[in-house]
N, C-alpha and C. Protein backbone atom coordinates (compact mmCIF):
# COMPACT_ATOMS: atom_id res chain seq x y z
N UNK A 1 -8.28 -27.98 12.43
CA UNK A 1 -6.85 -27.98 12.91
C UNK A 1 -6.60 -27.20 13.81
N UNK A 2 -5.71 -27.67 14.80
CA UNK A 2 -5.09 -26.98 15.98
C UNK A 2 -4.09 -26.06 15.78
N UNK A 3 -3.72 -24.91 15.31
CA UNK A 3 -2.87 -24.26 14.98
C UNK A 3 -2.57 -23.20 16.16
N UNK A 4 -1.49 -22.49 16.18
CA UNK A 4 -0.92 -21.58 17.09
C UNK A 4 0.12 -20.83 16.41
N UNK A 5 -0.48 -19.42 16.44
CA UNK A 5 0.37 -18.30 15.93
C UNK A 5 1.26 -17.71 17.09
N UNK A 6 2.52 -17.62 17.09
CA UNK A 6 3.28 -16.84 17.94
C UNK A 6 4.05 -15.72 17.30
N UNK A 7 4.25 -14.81 18.23
CA UNK A 7 5.05 -13.65 17.63
C UNK A 7 6.38 -13.90 17.11
N UNK A 8 6.97 -13.74 15.96
CA UNK A 8 7.95 -14.24 15.58
C UNK A 8 9.30 -13.41 16.41
N UNK A 9 10.15 -14.49 16.92
CA UNK A 9 11.11 -14.02 17.79
C UNK A 9 12.38 -14.91 17.57
N UNK A 10 13.46 -14.21 18.06
CA UNK A 10 14.87 -14.64 17.74
C UNK A 10 14.88 -16.24 18.43
N UNK A 11 14.08 -16.67 19.14
CA UNK A 11 14.19 -18.11 19.63
C UNK A 11 13.77 -18.81 18.58
N UNK A 12 12.92 -18.52 17.46
CA UNK A 12 12.45 -19.30 16.23
C UNK A 12 13.52 -19.13 15.14
N UNK A 13 14.38 -18.82 15.31
CA UNK A 13 15.51 -18.66 14.05
C UNK A 13 16.09 -19.68 13.37
N UNK A 14 16.19 -20.89 14.12
CA UNK A 14 16.74 -22.33 13.45
C UNK A 14 15.42 -22.69 12.87
N UNK A 15 14.27 -22.76 13.10
CA UNK A 15 13.17 -23.38 12.74
C UNK A 15 12.70 -22.68 11.32
N UNK A 16 12.46 -21.36 11.59
CA UNK A 16 12.18 -20.43 10.34
C UNK A 16 13.19 -20.47 9.39
N UNK A 17 14.71 -20.18 9.39
CA UNK A 17 15.58 -20.51 8.35
C UNK A 17 15.52 -21.88 7.62
N UNK A 18 15.41 -22.70 8.51
CA UNK A 18 15.38 -24.18 8.10
C UNK A 18 14.23 -24.39 7.13
N UNK A 19 12.96 -23.81 7.17
CA UNK A 19 11.86 -23.94 6.43
C UNK A 19 12.17 -22.75 5.24
N UNK A 20 12.76 -21.81 5.51
CA UNK A 20 13.18 -20.77 4.17
C UNK A 20 14.23 -21.50 3.15
N UNK A 21 15.13 -22.05 3.91
CA UNK A 21 16.09 -22.60 3.11
C UNK A 21 15.89 -23.99 2.55
N UNK A 22 14.69 -24.60 2.88
CA UNK A 22 14.33 -25.81 1.93
C UNK A 22 13.73 -24.99 0.69
N UNK A 23 12.98 -24.11 0.96
CA UNK A 23 12.70 -23.48 -0.61
C UNK A 23 13.73 -22.75 -1.53
N UNK A 24 14.82 -22.39 -0.43
CA UNK A 24 15.85 -21.87 -1.28
C UNK A 24 16.68 -23.03 -2.22
N UNK A 25 16.83 -24.06 -1.72
CA UNK A 25 17.37 -25.02 -2.24
C UNK A 25 16.64 -25.93 -3.36
N UNK A 26 15.19 -25.89 -3.10
CA UNK A 26 14.51 -26.75 -4.14
C UNK A 26 13.27 -26.17 -4.79
N UNK A 27 13.37 -24.66 -4.90
CA UNK A 27 12.16 -24.18 -5.58
C UNK A 27 12.66 -22.55 -5.99
N UNK A 28 11.61 -22.18 -6.99
CA UNK A 28 11.65 -20.74 -7.11
C UNK A 28 10.93 -19.70 -5.96
N UNK A 29 10.33 -20.57 -5.05
CA UNK A 29 9.43 -19.43 -4.09
C UNK A 29 10.42 -18.68 -3.40
N UNK A 30 11.57 -18.93 -2.96
CA UNK A 30 12.42 -18.04 -2.17
C UNK A 30 13.74 -17.71 -3.28
N UNK A 31 13.93 -16.50 -3.21
CA UNK A 31 14.76 -16.02 -4.53
C UNK A 31 16.30 -16.23 -4.51
N UNK A 32 16.79 -16.35 -3.35
CA UNK A 32 18.28 -16.69 -2.94
C UNK A 32 18.57 -17.96 -3.91
N UNK A 33 19.86 -18.07 -4.40
CA UNK A 33 20.42 -18.94 -4.75
C UNK A 33 21.17 -20.37 -3.97
N UNK A 34 21.54 -19.71 -2.84
CA UNK A 34 21.98 -20.54 -1.78
C UNK A 34 21.61 -20.52 -0.52
N UNK A 35 21.51 -21.48 0.43
CA UNK A 35 21.16 -21.30 1.64
C UNK A 35 21.73 -19.98 2.57
N UNK A 36 20.83 -19.38 3.31
CA UNK A 36 21.21 -18.47 4.16
C UNK A 36 21.37 -18.84 5.49
N UNK A 37 22.28 -18.21 6.05
CA UNK A 37 22.95 -18.56 7.35
C UNK A 37 21.84 -18.22 8.38
N UNK A 38 21.80 -18.90 9.69
CA UNK A 38 20.70 -18.54 10.64
C UNK A 38 20.60 -17.24 10.94
N UNK A 39 22.04 -16.61 10.95
CA UNK A 39 21.94 -15.22 11.49
C UNK A 39 21.15 -13.98 10.49
N UNK A 40 20.73 -14.70 9.27
CA UNK A 40 19.77 -13.79 8.41
C UNK A 40 18.46 -13.75 9.02
N UNK A 41 18.00 -14.59 9.91
CA UNK A 41 16.97 -14.33 10.60
C UNK A 41 16.83 -13.04 11.37
N UNK A 42 18.13 -12.44 11.78
CA UNK A 42 17.85 -10.83 12.20
C UNK A 42 17.45 -9.84 11.28
N UNK A 43 17.55 -10.33 9.87
CA UNK A 43 16.78 -9.40 8.95
C UNK A 43 15.48 -9.59 8.74
N UNK A 44 14.70 -10.73 8.81
CA UNK A 44 13.60 -11.04 9.08
C UNK A 44 12.79 -10.15 10.06
N UNK A 45 13.45 -10.26 11.33
CA UNK A 45 12.97 -9.22 12.68
C UNK A 45 13.12 -7.80 12.05
N UNK A 46 14.17 -7.42 11.60
CA UNK A 46 14.14 -5.94 11.33
C UNK A 46 13.02 -5.51 10.08
N UNK A 47 13.10 -6.47 9.07
CA UNK A 47 12.10 -6.23 8.10
C UNK A 47 10.66 -6.06 8.96
N UNK A 48 10.34 -6.72 9.49
CA UNK A 48 8.98 -6.63 10.24
C UNK A 48 8.79 -5.86 11.25
N UNK A 49 9.69 -5.23 11.80
CA UNK A 49 9.43 -4.44 13.07
C UNK A 49 8.22 -3.53 13.04
N UNK A 50 7.65 -3.52 13.95
CA UNK A 50 6.20 -2.94 13.84
C UNK A 50 5.04 -3.35 12.84
N UNK A 51 5.31 -4.60 12.37
CA UNK A 51 4.30 -5.20 11.56
C UNK A 51 4.13 -6.61 12.21
N UNK A 52 2.87 -7.26 11.66
CA UNK A 52 2.49 -8.51 12.31
C UNK A 52 3.40 -9.45 11.66
N UNK A 53 4.05 -10.27 12.43
CA UNK A 53 5.12 -11.55 12.02
C UNK A 53 4.80 -12.43 13.07
N UNK A 54 4.64 -13.69 12.34
CA UNK A 54 4.31 -14.97 13.28
C UNK A 54 5.15 -16.20 12.80
N UNK A 55 5.07 -16.89 13.89
CA UNK A 55 5.67 -18.39 13.51
C UNK A 55 4.24 -19.03 13.53
N UNK A 56 4.26 -20.36 12.81
CA UNK A 56 3.00 -21.15 12.88
C UNK A 56 3.44 -22.43 13.52
N UNK A 57 2.47 -22.77 14.72
CA UNK A 57 2.76 -24.01 15.04
C UNK A 57 1.82 -24.88 15.16
N UNK A 58 2.17 -26.00 15.18
CA UNK A 58 1.24 -27.32 15.35
C UNK A 58 0.79 -27.27 16.85
N UNK A 59 -0.34 -26.91 16.96
CA UNK A 59 -0.93 -26.29 18.43
C UNK A 59 -0.60 -27.62 19.42
N UNK A 60 -0.64 -29.11 18.82
CA UNK A 60 -0.71 -30.32 19.72
C UNK A 60 0.72 -30.41 20.00
N UNK A 61 1.68 -30.19 18.97
CA UNK A 61 3.19 -30.81 19.20
C UNK A 61 3.69 -29.62 19.30
N UNK A 62 3.36 -28.36 19.39
CA UNK A 62 4.36 -27.20 19.56
C UNK A 62 5.36 -27.09 18.47
N UNK A 63 5.20 -27.75 17.16
CA UNK A 63 6.32 -27.54 16.16
C UNK A 63 6.13 -26.54 15.47
N UNK A 64 6.97 -25.80 15.13
CA UNK A 64 7.02 -24.66 14.17
C UNK A 64 6.92 -25.27 12.61
N UNK A 65 5.80 -24.89 12.07
CA UNK A 65 5.50 -25.42 10.90
C UNK A 65 5.45 -24.60 9.67
N UNK A 66 5.71 -23.16 10.07
CA UNK A 66 5.69 -22.36 9.15
C UNK A 66 5.91 -20.86 9.55
N UNK A 67 5.79 -19.93 8.91
CA UNK A 67 5.90 -18.47 9.39
C UNK A 67 5.36 -17.37 8.40
N UNK A 68 4.61 -16.46 8.75
CA UNK A 68 4.18 -15.57 7.79
C UNK A 68 4.35 -14.09 8.47
N UNK A 69 4.35 -13.09 7.63
CA UNK A 69 4.64 -11.93 7.72
C UNK A 69 4.29 -10.75 6.99
N UNK A 70 3.96 -9.31 7.36
CA UNK A 70 3.83 -8.33 6.41
C UNK A 70 4.93 -7.49 6.82
N UNK A 71 5.50 -6.63 5.67
CA UNK A 71 6.40 -5.88 6.06
C UNK A 71 6.34 -4.47 5.22
N UNK A 72 6.86 -3.50 5.55
CA UNK A 72 6.55 -2.16 4.34
C UNK A 72 7.12 -2.56 2.90
N UNK A 73 6.43 -2.29 2.11
CA UNK A 73 6.58 -2.12 0.77
C UNK A 73 7.57 -1.12 0.21
N UNK A 74 7.39 0.07 0.95
CA UNK A 74 8.32 1.01 0.44
C UNK A 74 8.51 1.84 2.01
N UNK A 75 9.61 2.42 2.30
CA UNK A 75 9.78 3.03 3.50
C UNK A 75 9.07 4.48 3.53
N UNK A 76 8.96 5.05 2.61
CA UNK A 76 8.44 6.33 2.37
C UNK A 76 7.02 6.42 3.06
N UNK A 77 6.71 7.51 3.66
CA UNK A 77 5.44 7.73 4.27
C UNK A 77 4.04 7.50 3.02
N UNK A 78 4.37 7.93 2.07
CA UNK A 78 3.41 7.89 1.07
C UNK A 78 2.83 6.59 0.85
N UNK A 79 3.52 5.37 1.19
CA UNK A 79 3.26 4.22 1.05
C UNK A 79 2.88 3.57 2.54
N UNK A 80 2.79 4.43 3.14
CA UNK A 80 2.33 3.48 4.55
C UNK A 80 1.13 2.51 4.77
N UNK A 81 0.26 2.71 3.73
CA UNK A 81 -0.99 1.94 3.58
C UNK A 81 -0.81 0.56 2.87
N UNK A 82 0.08 0.54 2.60
CA UNK A 82 0.71 -0.81 1.65
C UNK A 82 1.56 -1.71 2.21
N UNK A 83 1.48 -2.88 2.33
CA UNK A 83 2.41 -4.01 2.75
C UNK A 83 2.79 -4.91 1.78
N UNK A 84 3.83 -5.42 1.97
CA UNK A 84 4.06 -6.76 1.06
C UNK A 84 4.19 -8.01 2.14
N UNK A 85 3.27 -8.99 1.81
CA UNK A 85 3.02 -10.30 2.49
C UNK A 85 4.02 -11.40 2.18
N UNK A 86 4.39 -12.32 3.13
CA UNK A 86 5.24 -13.61 2.81
C UNK A 86 4.63 -14.55 3.90
N UNK A 87 4.63 -15.66 3.16
CA UNK A 87 4.44 -16.62 4.20
C UNK A 87 5.34 -17.92 3.48
N UNK A 88 5.69 -19.01 4.33
CA UNK A 88 6.37 -20.10 4.05
C UNK A 88 5.84 -21.35 4.93
N UNK A 89 5.46 -22.42 4.43
CA UNK A 89 5.21 -23.57 5.41
C UNK A 89 6.05 -24.64 5.34
N UNK A 90 6.38 -25.51 6.24
CA UNK A 90 7.05 -26.68 6.21
C UNK A 90 6.36 -27.52 4.92
N UNK A 91 7.23 -28.16 3.83
CA UNK A 91 6.55 -28.67 2.78
C UNK A 91 5.43 -29.84 2.93
N UNK A 92 5.54 -30.49 4.36
CA UNK A 92 4.82 -31.52 4.75
C UNK A 92 3.68 -31.05 4.93
N UNK A 93 3.38 -29.44 5.31
CA UNK A 93 2.09 -28.79 5.55
C UNK A 93 1.41 -28.46 4.55
N UNK A 94 1.83 -28.19 3.41
CA UNK A 94 1.38 -27.36 2.08
C UNK A 94 0.11 -28.27 1.66
N UNK A 95 -0.73 -27.43 1.36
CA UNK A 95 -2.13 -28.08 0.88
C UNK A 95 -3.19 -28.34 2.00
N UNK A 96 -2.99 -28.12 3.19
CA UNK A 96 -3.92 -28.43 4.37
C UNK A 96 -4.61 -27.23 4.63
N UNK A 97 -4.61 -26.10 4.02
CA UNK A 97 -5.34 -24.77 4.46
C UNK A 97 -4.77 -23.95 5.50
N UNK A 98 -3.50 -24.13 5.84
CA UNK A 98 -2.78 -23.35 6.63
C UNK A 98 -2.53 -22.00 6.15
N UNK A 99 -2.18 -21.84 4.91
CA UNK A 99 -1.80 -20.58 4.03
C UNK A 99 -2.90 -19.79 4.22
N UNK A 100 -3.97 -20.32 3.86
CA UNK A 100 -5.48 -19.57 3.98
C UNK A 100 -5.54 -19.06 5.39
N UNK A 101 -5.50 -19.78 6.31
CA UNK A 101 -5.69 -19.09 7.71
C UNK A 101 -4.37 -18.29 8.22
N UNK A 102 -3.39 -18.22 7.70
CA UNK A 102 -2.13 -17.46 7.69
C UNK A 102 -2.53 -16.05 7.12
N UNK A 103 -3.01 -16.20 5.86
CA UNK A 103 -3.51 -15.00 5.16
C UNK A 103 -4.47 -14.28 5.84
N UNK A 104 -5.62 -14.81 6.57
CA UNK A 104 -6.80 -14.59 6.82
C UNK A 104 -6.47 -13.58 8.13
N UNK A 105 -5.31 -14.12 8.88
CA UNK A 105 -4.89 -13.56 10.22
C UNK A 105 -4.05 -12.15 9.73
N UNK A 106 -3.22 -12.15 8.82
CA UNK A 106 -2.48 -11.10 8.40
C UNK A 106 -3.29 -9.85 7.84
N UNK A 107 -4.27 -10.33 6.97
CA UNK A 107 -5.38 -9.34 6.43
C UNK A 107 -6.25 -8.66 7.85
N UNK A 108 -6.70 -9.49 8.73
CA UNK A 108 -7.26 -8.73 9.85
C UNK A 108 -6.12 -7.84 10.62
N UNK A 109 -4.92 -8.45 10.82
CA UNK A 109 -3.98 -7.57 11.68
C UNK A 109 -3.55 -6.54 10.99
N UNK A 110 -3.37 -6.63 9.34
CA UNK A 110 -2.93 -5.50 8.63
C UNK A 110 -4.12 -4.36 8.87
N UNK A 111 -5.09 -4.85 8.73
CA UNK A 111 -6.48 -3.75 8.71
C UNK A 111 -6.47 -2.98 10.02
N UNK A 112 -5.96 -3.47 10.91
CA UNK A 112 -5.99 -2.91 12.52
C UNK A 112 -4.84 -1.97 12.47
N UNK A 113 -3.91 -2.12 11.37
CA UNK A 113 -2.60 -0.82 11.74
C UNK A 113 -2.76 -0.11 10.61
N UNK A 114 -3.86 -0.02 9.74
CA UNK A 114 -4.14 0.86 8.76
C UNK A 114 -3.59 0.61 7.25
N UNK A 115 -3.33 -0.79 7.08
CA UNK A 115 -2.89 -1.26 5.69
C UNK A 115 -4.20 -1.50 5.08
N UNK A 116 -4.04 -0.82 3.74
CA UNK A 116 -5.22 -0.97 2.81
C UNK A 116 -5.04 -1.79 1.61
N UNK A 117 -3.75 -2.08 1.19
CA UNK A 117 -3.20 -2.82 0.23
C UNK A 117 -2.25 -3.84 0.57
N UNK A 118 -2.44 -5.20 0.12
CA UNK A 118 -1.40 -6.04 0.17
C UNK A 118 -0.72 -6.57 -1.40
N UNK A 119 0.40 -6.57 -0.76
CA UNK A 119 1.14 -7.14 -2.43
C UNK A 119 2.09 -8.29 -2.12
N UNK A 120 2.01 -9.25 -3.22
CA UNK A 120 2.88 -10.32 -3.20
C UNK A 120 3.53 -10.15 -4.40
N UNK A 121 5.07 -10.54 -4.18
CA UNK A 121 5.91 -10.66 -5.17
C UNK A 121 6.11 -12.17 -5.30
N UNK A 122 5.92 -12.77 -6.60
CA UNK A 122 6.02 -14.24 -6.96
C UNK A 122 6.56 -14.52 -7.96
N UNK A 123 7.53 -15.29 -7.86
CA UNK A 123 8.30 -15.82 -9.04
C UNK A 123 7.24 -16.59 -10.13
N UNK A 124 7.34 -16.31 -11.52
CA UNK A 124 6.68 -16.92 -12.24
C UNK A 124 6.64 -18.49 -12.39
N UNK A 125 7.40 -18.86 -11.69
CA UNK A 125 7.89 -20.33 -11.81
C UNK A 125 7.23 -21.17 -10.55
N UNK A 126 6.43 -20.19 -9.85
CA UNK A 126 5.75 -20.75 -8.48
C UNK A 126 4.19 -20.66 -8.98
N UNK A 127 3.86 -21.67 -9.77
CA UNK A 127 2.27 -21.51 -10.10
C UNK A 127 1.57 -21.85 -8.97
N UNK A 128 2.06 -22.47 -8.03
CA UNK A 128 1.23 -22.88 -6.91
C UNK A 128 0.83 -21.73 -6.16
N UNK A 129 1.83 -20.69 -5.93
CA UNK A 129 1.38 -19.45 -5.13
C UNK A 129 0.59 -18.62 -5.86
N UNK A 130 0.90 -18.38 -7.16
CA UNK A 130 0.10 -17.73 -8.08
C UNK A 130 -1.38 -17.98 -7.83
N UNK A 131 -1.61 -19.30 -8.20
CA UNK A 131 -2.97 -19.94 -8.02
C UNK A 131 -3.54 -19.61 -6.66
N UNK A 132 -2.80 -19.95 -5.44
CA UNK A 132 -3.17 -19.65 -4.02
C UNK A 132 -3.81 -17.99 -4.14
N UNK A 133 -2.82 -17.29 -4.46
CA UNK A 133 -3.31 -15.91 -4.62
C UNK A 133 -4.41 -15.36 -5.15
N UNK A 134 -4.46 -15.84 -6.36
CA UNK A 134 -5.78 -15.65 -7.22
C UNK A 134 -7.01 -16.33 -6.50
N UNK A 135 -7.13 -17.55 -5.80
CA UNK A 135 -8.09 -17.98 -5.28
C UNK A 135 -8.64 -17.23 -4.01
N UNK A 136 -7.68 -16.55 -3.55
CA UNK A 136 -7.77 -15.63 -2.13
C UNK A 136 -7.97 -14.15 -2.79
N UNK A 137 -8.29 -13.78 -3.71
CA UNK A 137 -8.70 -12.29 -3.89
C UNK A 137 -7.65 -11.54 -4.33
N UNK A 138 -6.39 -12.10 -4.78
CA UNK A 138 -5.46 -11.26 -5.19
C UNK A 138 -5.55 -11.00 -6.76
N UNK A 139 -5.15 -10.08 -7.64
CA UNK A 139 -5.22 -9.95 -8.77
C UNK A 139 -3.84 -9.26 -9.20
N UNK A 140 -3.40 -10.22 -10.23
CA UNK A 140 -2.11 -9.71 -10.90
C UNK A 140 -2.12 -8.13 -11.48
N UNK A 141 -0.97 -7.46 -11.05
CA UNK A 141 -1.05 -6.16 -11.43
C UNK A 141 0.10 -5.65 -12.13
N UNK A 142 1.06 -6.65 -12.35
CA UNK A 142 2.31 -6.14 -12.66
C UNK A 142 3.39 -7.46 -12.97
N UNK A 143 4.37 -7.05 -13.81
CA UNK A 143 5.15 -8.45 -14.13
C UNK A 143 6.48 -7.76 -14.74
N UNK A 144 7.62 -8.12 -14.27
CA UNK A 144 9.02 -7.75 -14.60
C UNK A 144 9.34 -9.07 -15.11
N UNK A 145 9.73 -9.11 -16.64
CA UNK A 145 9.91 -10.25 -17.47
C UNK A 145 11.39 -10.36 -17.42
N UNK A 146 11.72 -11.62 -17.16
CA UNK A 146 13.14 -12.33 -17.24
C UNK A 146 14.16 -11.55 -16.26
N UNK A 147 13.61 -11.21 -15.20
CA UNK A 147 14.46 -10.27 -14.03
C UNK A 147 15.51 -11.12 -12.86
N UNK A 148 14.78 -12.28 -13.07
CA UNK A 148 15.35 -13.07 -12.15
C UNK A 148 16.27 -14.33 -12.70
N UNK A 149 17.16 -14.94 -12.16
CA UNK A 149 17.81 -16.22 -12.79
C UNK A 149 18.16 -17.07 -11.65
N UNK A 150 17.75 -18.40 -11.64
CA UNK A 150 17.84 -19.09 -10.52
C UNK A 150 18.05 -20.60 -11.37
N UNK A 151 18.85 -21.34 -10.66
CA UNK A 151 19.02 -22.92 -11.21
C UNK A 151 19.04 -22.81 -12.45
N UNK A 152 19.93 -21.54 -13.42
CA UNK A 152 20.33 -21.38 -14.65
C UNK A 152 19.00 -21.09 -15.62
N UNK A 153 17.89 -20.79 -14.79
CA UNK A 153 16.69 -20.15 -15.71
C UNK A 153 16.13 -19.03 -15.37
N UNK A 154 15.93 -18.28 -16.45
CA UNK A 154 15.34 -16.93 -16.22
C UNK A 154 14.00 -17.21 -15.77
N UNK A 155 13.36 -16.21 -15.09
CA UNK A 155 11.94 -16.16 -14.45
C UNK A 155 11.52 -14.74 -14.63
N UNK A 156 10.23 -14.48 -14.40
CA UNK A 156 9.60 -13.26 -14.20
C UNK A 156 9.29 -13.11 -12.53
N UNK A 157 9.00 -12.11 -12.36
CA UNK A 157 8.45 -11.63 -11.03
C UNK A 157 6.94 -11.08 -11.36
N UNK A 158 6.10 -11.61 -10.72
CA UNK A 158 4.66 -11.46 -10.97
C UNK A 158 4.22 -10.81 -9.56
N UNK A 159 3.58 -9.41 -9.64
CA UNK A 159 3.30 -8.91 -8.71
C UNK A 159 1.60 -8.91 -8.62
N UNK A 160 1.33 -9.23 -7.26
CA UNK A 160 -0.17 -9.32 -7.23
C UNK A 160 -0.59 -8.45 -5.98
N UNK A 161 -1.81 -8.01 -6.05
CA UNK A 161 -2.34 -7.06 -5.09
C UNK A 161 -3.86 -7.43 -4.59
N UNK A 162 -4.04 -6.91 -3.31
CA UNK A 162 -5.39 -7.16 -2.89
C UNK A 162 -5.84 -5.90 -2.15
N UNK A 163 -6.91 -5.55 -2.32
CA UNK A 163 -7.51 -4.32 -1.40
C UNK A 163 -8.14 -4.82 -0.45
N UNK A 164 -7.80 -4.63 0.82
CA UNK A 164 -8.61 -5.00 2.27
C UNK A 164 -9.70 -3.83 2.30
N UNK A 165 -10.77 -4.60 3.01
CA UNK A 165 -11.99 -3.77 3.16
C UNK A 165 -11.81 -2.94 4.29
N UNK A 166 -12.17 -1.96 4.19
CA UNK A 166 -12.43 -0.49 5.16
C UNK A 166 -12.99 -0.70 6.24
């Protein structure tokens, strides 16, 4: 598979937000209840400042097919070795191994900047993501019961963690 990872930048705001908004409208993978404006992309850039953040391109077509990043779990220095991970793929690209490649890249880049633990916040209704993380070495470490509500349905937040090798 010919993939290209480019640093996330403003020029990709439309493609990233279109992918994200697909999940907003059609799943529990993204938490907002309604589409977010293209301007929201600036929040992604702000959240990922000084952290690895990429758009994923089909290397042949140069088409953006996803994005991935880590961000601070908590802004206090006591948590500087912990980051939260996020990735979203164009729905047509799910199940092709791209998520695993993105995760491996983020793990390598995280280690380079001193991150020792990765966290994932996942809706209990997103079984595909929970399964993906388990297959890739994440362990469930906590659950907040019935704290989210989307499409009229309550859901839990499942926290998963992975320790990175030193």
